Amino acid sequence: MRTEQSITLNFVRMDGKREETKLYQHTLAQTRLAAESTLRKGNGRYTEVDIRTGDGHVETLHHHRM
C-alpha cells in the first residue's frame, strides 16, 4: 500500500458508471492535462471527470463535444 500523497480521478462514463484512477507524484496541473487528454481522446466515452486531491479539493472537468 502506498503512503505518499495521491490525486484521484473519477471518470464518469456515458452509462453513469465511474472509473477511479489514482495518480502518484503528479502535480495538480499535470493531472488536469492528463484528465483533459483522456476526455478528448475518449471519443465521448466519458462525460466528465472529478479530480480529488488529498486535502479534499474537488474539481470537475466536463467533456465538450465539438
Protein backbone atom coordinates (compact mmCIF):
# COMPACT_ATOMS: atom_id res chain seq x y z
CA MET A 1 0.00 0.00 0.00
CA ARG A 2 1.31 3.42 -0.91
CA THR A 3 1.57 6.06 1.76
CA GLU A 4 2.53 9.05 -0.41
CA GLN A 5 0.01 11.70 -1.43
CA SER A 6 -2.13 10.85 -4.45
CA ILE A 7 -4.65 12.59 -6.66
CA THR A 8 -7.76 10.60 -7.54
CA LEU A 9 -9.52 10.83 -10.88
CA ASN A 10 -13.13 9.67 -11.06
CA PHE A 11 -14.19 9.40 -14.69
CA VAL A 12 -17.95 9.31 -15.31
CA ARG A 13 -18.88 7.15 -18.31
CA MET A 14 -21.84 7.77 -20.60
CA ASP A 15 -23.75 4.97 -18.83
CA GLY A 16 -23.23 6.70 -15.45
CA LYS A 17 -20.67 4.21 -14.13
CA ARG A 18 -17.48 5.55 -12.62
CA GLU A 19 -13.87 4.55 -13.15
CA GLU A 20 -11.35 5.55 -10.49
CA THR A 21 -7.66 6.11 -11.11
CA LYS A 22 -5.07 7.22 -8.56
CA LEU A 23 -2.05 9.19 -9.68
CA TYR A 24 1.08 9.43 -7.56
CA GLN A 25 3.84 12.00 -7.92
CA HIS A 26 1.73 14.22 -10.20
CA THR A 27 1.07 17.90 -9.70
CA LEU A 28 -2.47 19.19 -9.99
CA ALA A 29 -1.54 20.86 -13.29
CA GLN A 30 -0.18 17.58 -14.70
CA THR A 31 -3.31 15.79 -13.53
CA ARG A 32 -5.58 18.33 -15.23
CA LEU A 33 -3.70 17.84 -18.52
CA ALA A 34 -3.98 14.04 -18.23
CA ALA A 35 -7.71 14.25 -17.45
CA GLU A 36 -8.39 16.68 -20.32
CA SER A 37 -6.46 14.45 -22.71
CA THR A 38 -8.44 11.38 -21.64
CA LEU A 39 -11.74 13.21 -22.05
CA ARG A 40 -10.71 14.40 -25.52
CA LYS A 41 -9.30 11.08 -26.73
CA GLY A 42 -12.10 9.02 -25.21
CA ASN A 43 -14.39 9.68 -28.20
CA GLY A 44 -17.32 10.56 -25.96
CA ARG A 45 -16.91 7.58 -23.62
CA TYR A 46 -16.66 9.88 -20.60
CA THR A 47 -18.95 12.81 -19.79
CA GLU A 48 -16.81 14.30 -17.02
CA VAL A 49 -14.04 13.66 -14.54
CA ASP A 50 -13.74 14.65 -10.89
CA ILE A 51 -10.21 15.45 -9.72
CA ARG A 52 -9.86 14.95 -5.96
CA THR A 53 -6.70 15.88 -4.05
CA GLY A 54 -5.65 14.56 -0.66
CA ASP A 55 -6.65 17.81 1.05
CA GLY A 56 -10.27 17.45 -0.07
CA HIS A 57 -10.20 19.81 -3.08
CA VAL A 58 -12.54 18.57 -5.85
CA GLU A 59 -12.57 19.95 -9.36
CA THR A 60 -14.85 18.72 -12.16
CA LEU A 61 -13.92 18.84 -15.85
CA HIS A 62 -16.62 18.26 -18.46
CA HIS A 63 -16.30 16.74 -21.90
CA HIS A 64 -17.09 19.34 -24.55
CA ARG A 65 -18.34 17.90 -27.82
CA MET A 66 -17.25 19.57 -31.00
